[in-house]
């Protein structure tokens, strides 16, 4: 099991803004079934989609700025992570993640 510390973004406004305007990525968790975008960001991020048991169902490394990313609406837990996190922890579909919410 992989353990990650993440900031839980709550509420519509906090999730809408996310990492926009940040100077660098920090690990955040948000809940949405509608996809994410990286418009207004100046750096790429790694993105991980989790199921209800916190098992990885989708991984994208180095999602570039000004992109849209969608997945199956069955899943609503999204981790936006600093680039290189997927590789550092060898995250892949099926990995189980324990989240420590900050």
N, C-alpha and C. Protein backbone atom coordinates (compact mmCIF):
# COMPACT_ATOMS: atom_id res chain seq x y z
N UNK A 1 0.84 -1.18 0.00
CA UNK A 1 0.00 0.00 0.00
C UNK A 1 0.89 1.24 0.00
N UNK A 2 0.49 2.23 -0.77
CA UNK A 2 1.24 3.47 -0.90
C UNK A 2 0.55 4.54 -0.07
N UNK A 3 1.32 5.30 0.69
CA UNK A 3 0.74 6.36 1.52
C UNK A 3 1.12 7.72 0.95
N UNK A 4 0.11 8.58 0.77
CA UNK A 4 0.33 9.92 0.25
C UNK A 4 -0.35 10.94 1.15
N UNK A 5 0.32 12.07 1.38
CA UNK A 5 -0.28 13.19 2.08
C UNK A 5 -0.83 14.15 1.02
N UNK A 6 -2.10 14.50 1.17
CA UNK A 6 -2.75 15.38 0.20
C UNK A 6 -3.63 16.38 0.92
N UNK A 7 -3.78 17.55 0.31
CA UNK A 7 -4.73 18.54 0.80
C UNK A 7 -6.07 18.24 0.15
N UNK A 8 -7.12 18.11 0.97
CA UNK A 8 -8.45 17.82 0.45
C UNK A 8 -9.13 19.15 0.10
N UNK A 9 -9.38 19.37 -1.19
CA UNK A 9 -10.07 20.56 -1.64
C UNK A 9 -11.57 20.32 -1.50
N UNK A 10 -12.23 21.18 -0.74
CA UNK A 10 -13.66 21.01 -0.48
C UNK A 10 -14.42 22.19 -1.07
N UNK A 11 -15.64 21.96 -1.40
CA UNK A 11 -16.48 23.03 -1.91
C UNK A 11 -16.21 23.35 -3.37
N UNK A 12 -17.21 23.88 -4.02
CA UNK A 12 -17.15 24.14 -5.45
C UNK A 12 -16.02 25.10 -5.81
N UNK A 13 -15.93 26.23 -5.11
CA UNK A 13 -14.93 27.24 -5.47
C UNK A 13 -13.50 26.73 -5.28
N UNK A 14 -13.23 26.09 -4.16
CA UNK A 14 -11.89 25.58 -3.90
C UNK A 14 -11.48 24.54 -4.95
N UNK A 15 -12.43 23.68 -5.34
CA UNK A 15 -12.14 22.67 -6.35
C UNK A 15 -11.99 23.28 -7.74
N UNK A 16 -12.79 24.31 -8.02
CA UNK A 16 -12.73 24.96 -9.32
C UNK A 16 -11.36 25.61 -9.54
N UNK A 17 -10.84 26.27 -8.52
CA UNK A 17 -9.55 26.95 -8.62
C UNK A 17 -8.41 25.93 -8.58
N UNK A 18 -8.48 24.96 -7.65
CA UNK A 18 -7.46 23.92 -7.57
C UNK A 18 -6.06 24.49 -7.54
N UNK A 19 -5.23 24.09 -8.50
CA UNK A 19 -3.84 24.53 -8.55
C UNK A 19 -3.61 25.73 -9.48
N UNK A 20 -4.69 26.30 -10.01
CA UNK A 20 -4.56 27.46 -10.90
C UNK A 20 -3.93 28.61 -10.13
N UNK A 21 -2.93 29.20 -10.71
CA UNK A 21 -2.26 30.34 -10.08
C UNK A 21 -1.12 29.94 -9.14
N UNK A 22 -1.00 28.66 -8.84
CA UNK A 22 0.09 28.20 -7.97
C UNK A 22 1.41 28.28 -8.74
N UNK A 23 2.49 28.47 -8.01
CA UNK A 23 3.81 28.51 -8.65
C UNK A 23 4.34 27.10 -8.95
N UNK A 24 3.86 26.12 -8.16
CA UNK A 24 4.24 24.72 -8.38
C UNK A 24 3.12 23.83 -7.86
N UNK A 25 3.16 22.58 -8.26
CA UNK A 25 2.11 21.64 -7.87
C UNK A 25 2.33 21.17 -6.44
N UNK A 26 1.24 20.95 -5.75
CA UNK A 26 1.26 20.29 -4.46
C UNK A 26 0.18 19.21 -4.52
N UNK A 27 0.31 18.15 -3.75
CA UNK A 27 -0.66 17.05 -3.85
C UNK A 27 -2.03 17.48 -3.31
N UNK A 28 -3.05 17.36 -4.16
CA UNK A 28 -4.41 17.70 -3.74
C UNK A 28 -5.37 16.59 -4.15
N UNK A 29 -6.44 16.48 -3.36
CA UNK A 29 -7.52 15.54 -3.64
C UNK A 29 -8.77 16.35 -3.89
N UNK A 30 -9.52 15.99 -4.91
CA UNK A 30 -10.82 16.61 -5.14
C UNK A 30 -11.78 15.55 -5.62
N UNK A 31 -13.05 15.89 -5.53
CA UNK A 31 -14.09 14.95 -5.95
C UNK A 31 -14.90 15.58 -7.08
N UNK A 32 -14.88 14.92 -8.21
CA UNK A 32 -15.68 15.36 -9.36
C UNK A 32 -15.84 14.18 -10.32
N UNK A 33 -16.95 14.15 -10.99
CA UNK A 33 -17.19 13.13 -12.01
C UNK A 33 -17.12 13.73 -13.41
N UNK A 34 -16.81 15.01 -13.49
CA UNK A 34 -16.93 15.72 -14.75
C UNK A 34 -15.62 15.97 -15.47
N UNK A 35 -14.51 15.52 -14.91
CA UNK A 35 -13.21 15.76 -15.53
C UNK A 35 -12.53 16.95 -14.89
N UNK A 36 -11.29 17.17 -15.30
CA UNK A 36 -10.53 18.32 -14.82
C UNK A 36 -9.90 19.02 -16.01
N UNK A 37 -9.41 20.24 -15.75
CA UNK A 37 -8.70 20.99 -16.78
C UNK A 37 -7.43 21.57 -16.17
N UNK A 38 -6.50 21.92 -17.02
CA UNK A 38 -5.26 22.54 -16.56
C UNK A 38 -5.09 23.94 -17.16
N UNK A 39 -6.20 24.56 -17.56
CA UNK A 39 -6.13 25.93 -18.08
C UNK A 39 -5.70 26.86 -16.95
N UNK A 40 -4.77 27.76 -17.24
CA UNK A 40 -4.29 28.70 -16.25
C UNK A 40 -3.14 28.18 -15.41
N UNK A 41 -2.74 26.94 -15.62
CA UNK A 41 -1.61 26.38 -14.90
C UNK A 41 -0.36 26.56 -15.75
N UNK A 42 0.79 26.71 -15.09
CA UNK A 42 2.04 26.92 -15.83
C UNK A 42 2.98 25.73 -15.72
N UNK A 43 2.46 24.61 -15.25
CA UNK A 43 3.29 23.42 -15.07
C UNK A 43 2.44 22.17 -15.30
N UNK A 44 3.06 21.07 -15.72
CA UNK A 44 2.32 19.82 -15.87
C UNK A 44 2.12 19.15 -14.51
N UNK A 45 1.15 18.25 -14.44
CA UNK A 45 0.86 17.50 -13.21
C UNK A 45 0.63 16.03 -13.55
N UNK A 46 0.84 15.19 -12.57
CA UNK A 46 0.41 13.80 -12.66
C UNK A 46 -1.01 13.72 -12.11
N UNK A 47 -1.84 12.88 -12.70
CA UNK A 47 -3.23 12.75 -12.27
C UNK A 47 -3.53 11.27 -12.04
N UNK A 48 -4.18 10.98 -10.90
CA UNK A 48 -4.55 9.61 -10.56
C UNK A 48 -6.03 9.60 -10.19
N UNK A 49 -6.78 8.68 -10.78
CA UNK A 49 -8.20 8.51 -10.47
C UNK A 49 -8.34 7.25 -9.60
N UNK A 50 -9.11 7.39 -8.50
CA UNK A 50 -9.30 6.28 -7.56
C UNK A 50 -10.74 5.82 -7.51
N UNK A 51 -10.94 4.53 -7.18
CA UNK A 51 -12.29 4.05 -6.92
C UNK A 51 -12.61 4.26 -5.44
N UNK A 52 -13.78 3.81 -5.00
CA UNK A 52 -14.21 4.02 -3.61
C UNK A 52 -13.32 3.33 -2.58
N UNK A 53 -12.58 2.32 -3.00
CA UNK A 53 -11.67 1.61 -2.09
C UNK A 53 -10.26 2.18 -2.15
N UNK A 54 -10.10 3.31 -2.85
CA UNK A 54 -8.82 3.99 -3.04
C UNK A 54 -7.83 3.19 -3.87
N UNK A 55 -8.39 2.40 -4.78
CA UNK A 55 -7.55 1.66 -5.73
C UNK A 55 -7.46 2.49 -7.01
N UNK A 56 -6.27 2.55 -7.58
CA UNK A 56 -6.03 3.34 -8.80
C UNK A 56 -6.74 2.68 -9.98
N UNK A 57 -7.54 3.50 -10.71
CA UNK A 57 -8.22 3.00 -11.91
C UNK A 57 -7.75 3.70 -13.18
N UNK A 58 -7.03 4.82 -13.02
CA UNK A 58 -6.52 5.54 -14.20
C UNK A 58 -5.34 6.40 -13.78
N UNK A 59 -4.33 6.47 -14.62
CA UNK A 59 -3.12 7.24 -14.33
C UNK A 59 -2.74 8.04 -15.57
N UNK A 60 -2.39 9.30 -15.37
CA UNK A 60 -1.85 10.12 -16.45
C UNK A 60 -0.62 10.83 -15.90
N UNK A 61 0.49 10.64 -16.57
CA UNK A 61 1.72 11.32 -16.18
C UNK A 61 1.90 12.58 -17.02
N UNK A 62 2.33 13.64 -16.35
CA UNK A 62 2.71 14.89 -17.01
C UNK A 62 1.61 15.47 -17.89
N UNK A 63 0.40 15.61 -17.32
CA UNK A 63 -0.68 16.28 -18.04
C UNK A 63 -0.29 17.75 -18.19
N UNK A 64 -0.17 18.20 -19.42
CA UNK A 64 0.33 19.54 -19.72
C UNK A 64 -0.71 20.60 -19.42
N UNK A 65 -0.24 21.85 -19.25
CA UNK A 65 -1.18 22.97 -19.10
C UNK A 65 -2.10 23.09 -20.32
N UNK A 66 -3.25 23.68 -20.09
CA UNK A 66 -4.24 23.96 -21.14
C UNK A 66 -4.82 22.71 -21.78
N UNK A 67 -5.05 21.70 -20.96
CA UNK A 67 -5.64 20.44 -21.42
C UNK A 67 -6.90 20.14 -20.61
N UNK A 68 -7.72 19.24 -21.16
CA UNK A 68 -8.89 18.71 -20.48
C UNK A 68 -8.69 17.21 -20.36
N UNK A 69 -9.03 16.66 -19.20
CA UNK A 69 -8.89 15.23 -18.95
C UNK A 69 -10.20 14.71 -18.38
N UNK A 70 -10.78 13.71 -19.03
CA UNK A 70 -12.03 13.09 -18.55
C UNK A 70 -11.83 11.59 -18.40
N UNK A 71 -12.68 10.97 -17.60
CA UNK A 71 -12.63 9.54 -17.33
C UNK A 71 -14.05 9.07 -17.10
N UNK A 72 -14.22 7.80 -16.80
CA UNK A 72 -15.56 7.26 -16.55
C UNK A 72 -16.18 7.96 -15.34
N UNK A 73 -17.42 8.44 -15.48
CA UNK A 73 -18.07 9.13 -14.37
C UNK A 73 -18.42 8.21 -13.18
N UNK A 74 -18.11 6.93 -13.28
CA UNK A 74 -18.31 6.03 -12.13
C UNK A 74 -17.35 6.39 -11.00
N UNK A 75 -16.27 7.08 -11.32
CA UNK A 75 -15.23 7.39 -10.34
C UNK A 75 -15.20 8.89 -10.08
N UNK A 76 -15.11 9.28 -8.80
CA UNK A 76 -15.16 10.70 -8.47
C UNK A 76 -13.98 11.19 -7.62
N UNK A 77 -13.00 10.34 -7.37
CA UNK A 77 -11.87 10.75 -6.53
C UNK A 77 -10.64 10.98 -7.40
N UNK A 78 -10.12 12.21 -7.35
CA UNK A 78 -9.03 12.63 -8.22
C UNK A 78 -7.86 13.12 -7.37
N UNK A 79 -6.68 12.66 -7.71
CA UNK A 79 -5.46 13.19 -7.10
C UNK A 79 -4.71 13.97 -8.17
N UNK A 80 -4.44 15.23 -7.90
CA UNK A 80 -3.56 16.04 -8.74
C UNK A 80 -2.24 16.11 -8.00
N UNK A 81 -1.19 15.65 -8.63
CA UNK A 81 0.09 15.45 -7.96
C UNK A 81 1.23 16.14 -8.71
N UNK A 82 2.28 16.51 -7.97
CA UNK A 82 3.45 17.06 -8.66
C UNK A 82 3.99 16.06 -9.68
N UNK A 83 4.47 16.59 -10.77
CA UNK A 83 5.02 15.74 -11.82
C UNK A 83 6.14 14.86 -11.23
N UNK A 84 6.15 13.61 -11.60
CA UNK A 84 7.14 12.66 -11.11
C UNK A 84 6.64 11.80 -9.96
N UNK A 85 5.49 12.15 -9.38
CA UNK A 85 4.95 11.38 -8.25
C UNK A 85 4.56 9.98 -8.69
N UNK A 86 3.95 9.85 -9.86
CA UNK A 86 3.54 8.53 -10.36
C UNK A 86 4.76 7.64 -10.49
N UNK A 87 5.80 8.16 -11.05
CA UNK A 87 7.03 7.38 -11.24
C UNK A 87 7.71 7.09 -9.89
N UNK A 88 7.78 8.09 -9.02
CA UNK A 88 8.44 7.94 -7.72
C UNK A 88 7.84 6.79 -6.91
N UNK A 89 6.51 6.68 -6.91
CA UNK A 89 5.84 5.64 -6.13
C UNK A 89 5.42 4.43 -6.96
N UNK A 90 5.80 4.41 -8.23
CA UNK A 90 5.44 3.34 -9.15
C UNK A 90 3.93 3.10 -9.16
N UNK A 91 3.17 4.20 -9.19
CA UNK A 91 1.70 4.09 -9.21
C UNK A 91 1.24 3.54 -10.55
N UNK A 92 0.32 2.60 -10.48
CA UNK A 92 -0.25 2.02 -11.70
C UNK A 92 -1.66 1.55 -11.38
N UNK A 93 -2.41 1.23 -12.42
CA UNK A 93 -3.76 0.72 -12.23
C UNK A 93 -3.69 -0.50 -11.32
N UNK A 94 -4.51 -0.48 -10.27
CA UNK A 94 -4.52 -1.56 -9.30
C UNK A 94 -3.79 -1.23 -8.01
N UNK A 95 -2.92 -0.21 -8.02
CA UNK A 95 -2.23 0.18 -6.78
C UNK A 95 -3.26 0.65 -5.75
N UNK A 96 -3.03 0.32 -4.50
CA UNK A 96 -3.89 0.75 -3.41
C UNK A 96 -3.21 1.91 -2.70
N UNK A 97 -3.96 2.99 -2.47
CA UNK A 97 -3.38 4.18 -1.88
C UNK A 97 -4.08 4.51 -0.57
N UNK A 98 -3.27 4.77 0.46
CA UNK A 98 -3.78 5.28 1.73
C UNK A 98 -3.53 6.78 1.73
N UNK A 99 -4.59 7.56 1.93
CA UNK A 99 -4.46 9.02 1.89
C UNK A 99 -4.46 9.60 3.29
N UNK A 100 -3.49 10.44 3.55
CA UNK A 100 -3.45 11.22 4.79
C UNK A 100 -3.88 12.62 4.40
N UNK A 101 -5.07 13.03 4.86
CA UNK A 101 -5.62 14.32 4.47
C UNK A 101 -5.05 15.43 5.34
N UNK A 102 -4.58 16.48 4.71
CA UNK A 102 -4.02 17.62 5.43
C UNK A 102 -5.05 18.73 5.55
